[in-house]
């Protein structure tokens, strides 16, 4: 019989792929504000502030999207995939 890892171990795998320092560096590298980051991710600006302060974990889908934004080279006048118009 297979056993499942405890919830805390599972949460560590799912949520801890991007640190708040990495998030801050990514925002800086992209040249966007926290408010713009929240708008592109479709979350409230307070959510981004909580991620940056360490009060909330950064969800894996957000980490994946940020990595995508960093690796894509947007064409002139286009936003990265996953961002809102």
N, C-alpha and C. Protein backbone atom coordinates (compact mmCIF):
# COMPACT_ATOMS: atom_id res chain seq x y z
N UNK A 1 0.84 -1.19 0.00
CA UNK A 1 0.00 0.00 0.00
C UNK A 1 0.88 1.25 0.00
N UNK A 2 0.56 2.20 -0.86
CA UNK A 2 1.31 3.44 -0.93
C UNK A 2 0.83 4.39 0.15
N UNK A 3 1.78 5.04 0.77
CA UNK A 3 1.40 6.04 1.76
C UNK A 3 1.66 7.43 1.19
N UNK A 4 0.88 8.37 1.60
CA UNK A 4 1.03 9.75 1.13
C UNK A 4 1.89 10.52 2.11
N UNK A 5 2.69 11.47 1.61
CA UNK A 5 3.49 12.27 2.52
C UNK A 5 2.60 13.14 3.39
N UNK A 6 3.08 13.52 4.55
CA UNK A 6 2.28 14.41 5.40
C UNK A 6 1.99 15.72 4.66
N UNK A 7 0.90 16.36 5.02
CA UNK A 7 0.49 17.60 4.34
C UNK A 7 1.61 18.63 4.34
N UNK A 8 2.34 18.76 5.43
CA UNK A 8 3.39 19.79 5.47
C UNK A 8 4.49 19.51 4.45
N UNK A 9 4.85 18.25 4.26
CA UNK A 9 5.86 17.90 3.26
C UNK A 9 5.32 18.16 1.86
N UNK A 10 4.07 17.83 1.64
CA UNK A 10 3.44 18.07 0.34
C UNK A 10 3.38 19.56 0.06
N UNK A 11 2.99 20.35 1.04
CA UNK A 11 2.94 21.80 0.88
C UNK A 11 4.32 22.35 0.54
N UNK A 12 5.35 21.82 1.16
CA UNK A 12 6.71 22.29 0.88
C UNK A 12 7.08 22.06 -0.57
N UNK A 13 6.70 20.93 -1.13
CA UNK A 13 6.99 20.62 -2.52
C UNK A 13 6.19 21.53 -3.45
N UNK A 14 4.93 21.75 -3.13
CA UNK A 14 4.06 22.52 -4.00
C UNK A 14 4.36 24.02 -3.93
N UNK A 15 4.55 24.54 -2.75
CA UNK A 15 4.56 25.99 -2.59
C UNK A 15 5.93 26.64 -2.48
N UNK A 16 6.97 25.91 -2.22
CA UNK A 16 8.25 26.55 -1.94
C UNK A 16 9.22 26.52 -3.10
N UNK A 17 8.72 26.63 -4.30
CA UNK A 17 9.62 26.60 -5.44
C UNK A 17 10.18 27.99 -5.76
N UNK A 18 9.56 29.04 -5.26
CA UNK A 18 10.06 30.40 -5.44
C UNK A 18 10.06 31.09 -4.08
N UNK A 19 11.20 31.66 -3.74
CA UNK A 19 11.29 32.38 -2.47
C UNK A 19 10.85 33.82 -2.67
N UNK A 20 10.61 34.49 -1.57
CA UNK A 20 10.21 35.90 -1.68
C UNK A 20 11.34 36.74 -2.28
N UNK A 21 12.60 36.35 -2.00
CA UNK A 21 13.73 37.07 -2.58
C UNK A 21 13.77 36.88 -4.10
N UNK A 22 13.47 35.66 -4.53
CA UNK A 22 13.43 35.39 -5.97
C UNK A 22 12.29 36.15 -6.63
N UNK A 23 11.15 36.22 -5.95
CA UNK A 23 10.02 36.97 -6.48
C UNK A 23 10.40 38.44 -6.63
N UNK A 24 11.02 39.00 -5.61
CA UNK A 24 11.43 40.41 -5.66
C UNK A 24 12.40 40.64 -6.82
N UNK A 25 13.38 39.74 -6.97
CA UNK A 25 14.35 39.87 -8.06
C UNK A 25 13.69 39.75 -9.43
N UNK A 26 12.70 38.87 -9.54
CA UNK A 26 11.98 38.69 -10.81
C UNK A 26 11.21 39.95 -11.17
N UNK A 27 10.52 40.52 -10.20
CA UNK A 27 9.77 41.75 -10.44
C UNK A 27 10.71 42.86 -10.90
N UNK A 28 11.86 42.95 -10.23
CA UNK A 28 12.84 43.98 -10.59
C UNK A 28 13.37 43.74 -12.01
N UNK A 29 13.71 42.49 -12.31
CA UNK A 29 14.25 42.15 -13.63
C UNK A 29 13.24 42.45 -14.74
N UNK A 30 11.97 42.20 -14.46
CA UNK A 30 10.93 42.48 -15.44
C UNK A 30 10.66 43.97 -15.58
N UNK A 31 11.12 44.75 -14.59
CA UNK A 31 10.94 46.19 -14.65
C UNK A 31 9.51 46.62 -14.41
N UNK A 32 8.79 45.87 -13.57
CA UNK A 32 7.40 46.21 -13.27
C UNK A 32 7.23 46.42 -11.77
N UNK A 33 6.18 47.12 -11.41
CA UNK A 33 5.90 47.38 -10.01
C UNK A 33 5.15 46.21 -9.38
N UNK A 34 5.00 46.28 -8.06
CA UNK A 34 4.20 45.27 -7.37
C UNK A 34 2.75 45.34 -7.82
N UNK A 35 2.27 46.55 -8.03
CA UNK A 35 0.88 46.72 -8.48
C UNK A 35 0.71 46.14 -9.87
N UNK A 36 1.67 46.40 -10.76
CA UNK A 36 1.60 45.83 -12.12
C UNK A 36 1.69 44.31 -12.06
N UNK A 37 2.54 43.80 -11.19
CA UNK A 37 2.66 42.35 -11.01
C UNK A 37 1.31 41.77 -10.60
N UNK A 38 0.67 42.40 -9.63
CA UNK A 38 -0.63 41.90 -9.17
C UNK A 38 -1.67 41.96 -10.28
N UNK A 39 -1.64 43.03 -11.07
CA UNK A 39 -2.60 43.16 -12.18
C UNK A 39 -2.39 42.05 -13.20
N UNK A 40 -1.13 41.79 -13.55
CA UNK A 40 -0.84 40.74 -14.54
C UNK A 40 -1.20 39.35 -14.03
N UNK A 41 -1.07 39.15 -12.71
CA UNK A 41 -1.38 37.84 -12.14
C UNK A 41 -2.86 37.71 -11.77
N UNK A 42 -3.58 38.81 -11.79
CA UNK A 42 -5.00 38.76 -11.46
C UNK A 42 -5.26 38.59 -9.98
N UNK A 43 -4.37 39.15 -9.16
CA UNK A 43 -4.54 39.08 -7.71
C UNK A 43 -4.53 40.50 -7.15
N UNK A 44 -5.00 40.64 -5.93
CA UNK A 44 -4.99 41.92 -5.26
C UNK A 44 -3.55 42.32 -4.94
N UNK A 45 -3.22 43.62 -5.01
CA UNK A 45 -1.86 44.05 -4.66
C UNK A 45 -1.43 43.60 -3.26
N UNK A 46 -2.37 43.49 -2.34
CA UNK A 46 -2.01 43.04 -0.98
C UNK A 46 -1.50 41.60 -0.99
N UNK A 47 -1.95 40.80 -1.95
CA UNK A 47 -1.47 39.42 -2.07
C UNK A 47 0.01 39.41 -2.42
N UNK A 48 0.40 40.24 -3.38
CA UNK A 48 1.82 40.32 -3.76
C UNK A 48 2.64 40.81 -2.57
N UNK A 49 2.12 41.81 -1.85
CA UNK A 49 2.84 42.30 -0.66
C UNK A 49 3.01 41.19 0.37
N UNK A 50 1.99 40.36 0.55
CA UNK A 50 2.09 39.25 1.52
C UNK A 50 3.12 38.22 1.06
N UNK A 51 3.17 37.94 -0.25
CA UNK A 51 4.18 37.02 -0.75
C UNK A 51 5.57 37.58 -0.50
N UNK A 52 5.74 38.88 -0.76
CA UNK A 52 7.06 39.50 -0.61
C UNK A 52 7.49 39.62 0.85
N UNK A 53 6.53 39.73 1.74
CA UNK A 53 6.86 39.83 3.17
C UNK A 53 7.07 38.46 3.81
N UNK A 54 6.68 37.42 3.10
CA UNK A 54 6.79 36.07 3.65
C UNK A 54 5.58 35.64 4.44
N UNK A 55 4.55 36.49 4.48
CA UNK A 55 3.34 36.17 5.23
C UNK A 55 2.51 35.08 4.53
N UNK A 56 2.66 34.96 3.22
CA UNK A 56 1.94 33.94 2.44
C UNK A 56 2.91 33.24 1.52
N UNK A 57 2.63 31.97 1.27
CA UNK A 57 3.44 31.19 0.34
C UNK A 57 3.12 31.62 -1.09
N UNK A 58 4.10 31.47 -1.95
CA UNK A 58 3.91 31.79 -3.37
C UNK A 58 3.46 30.51 -4.07
N UNK A 59 2.24 30.49 -4.60
CA UNK A 59 1.74 29.26 -5.23
C UNK A 59 2.55 28.85 -6.46
N UNK A 60 2.61 27.56 -6.69
CA UNK A 60 3.36 27.01 -7.82
C UNK A 60 2.91 27.59 -9.17
N UNK A 61 1.60 27.74 -9.43
CA UNK A 61 1.21 28.33 -10.71
C UNK A 61 1.80 29.73 -10.93
N UNK A 62 1.92 30.50 -9.87
CA UNK A 62 2.53 31.83 -9.97
C UNK A 62 4.01 31.68 -10.32
N UNK A 63 4.69 30.74 -9.66
CA UNK A 63 6.10 30.50 -9.94
C UNK A 63 6.31 30.11 -11.40
N UNK A 64 5.45 29.25 -11.90
CA UNK A 64 5.56 28.82 -13.30
C UNK A 64 5.35 29.99 -14.25
N UNK A 65 4.35 30.80 -13.97
CA UNK A 65 4.07 31.95 -14.82
C UNK A 65 5.22 32.95 -14.81
N UNK A 66 5.79 33.20 -13.64
CA UNK A 66 6.93 34.12 -13.55
C UNK A 66 8.12 33.60 -14.35
N UNK A 67 8.37 32.30 -14.25
CA UNK A 67 9.46 31.72 -15.04
C UNK A 67 9.21 31.88 -16.54
N UNK A 68 7.96 31.70 -16.93
CA UNK A 68 7.59 31.87 -18.34
C UNK A 68 7.85 33.30 -18.78
N UNK A 69 7.45 34.26 -17.97
CA UNK A 69 7.67 35.66 -18.31
C UNK A 69 9.15 35.97 -18.47
N UNK A 70 9.98 35.37 -17.62
CA UNK A 70 11.41 35.64 -17.68
C UNK A 70 12.08 35.02 -18.91
N UNK A 71 11.56 33.88 -19.35
CA UNK A 71 12.21 33.19 -20.45
C UNK A 71 11.70 33.63 -21.81
N UNK A 72 10.51 34.22 -21.85
CA UNK A 72 9.97 34.70 -23.12
C UNK A 72 10.59 36.03 -23.48
N UNK A 73 10.72 36.22 -24.75
CA UNK A 73 11.14 37.54 -25.26
C UNK A 73 9.94 38.13 -25.96
N UNK A 74 9.19 38.98 -25.24
CA UNK A 74 7.97 39.52 -25.85
C UNK A 74 8.29 40.36 -27.09
N UNK A 75 7.44 40.20 -28.08
CA UNK A 75 7.57 41.04 -29.28
C UNK A 75 7.13 42.45 -28.92
N UNK A 76 7.62 43.38 -29.65
CA UNK A 76 7.31 44.78 -29.38
C UNK A 76 5.80 44.97 -29.26
N UNK A 77 5.40 45.61 -28.16
CA UNK A 77 4.00 45.90 -27.96
C UNK A 77 3.16 44.74 -27.44
N UNK A 78 3.79 43.60 -27.18
CA UNK A 78 3.04 42.45 -26.67
C UNK A 78 3.42 42.16 -25.24
N UNK A 79 2.45 41.68 -24.50
CA UNK A 79 2.69 41.29 -23.11
C UNK A 79 3.03 39.81 -23.05
N UNK A 80 3.71 39.40 -21.98
CA UNK A 80 3.99 37.97 -21.83
C UNK A 80 2.71 37.16 -21.74
N UNK A 81 2.78 35.89 -22.20
CA UNK A 81 1.62 34.99 -22.08
C UNK A 81 1.16 34.93 -20.63
N UNK A 82 -0.13 34.84 -20.46
CA UNK A 82 -0.67 34.72 -19.11
C UNK A 82 -0.94 36.05 -18.46
N UNK A 83 -0.53 37.13 -19.08
CA UNK A 83 -0.82 38.43 -18.49
C UNK A 83 -2.10 38.98 -19.10
N UNK A 84 -2.71 39.84 -18.39
CA UNK A 84 -3.97 40.42 -18.86
C UNK A 84 -3.69 41.62 -19.76
N UNK A 85 -4.59 41.89 -20.68
CA UNK A 85 -4.42 43.05 -21.58
C UNK A 85 -4.54 44.37 -20.85
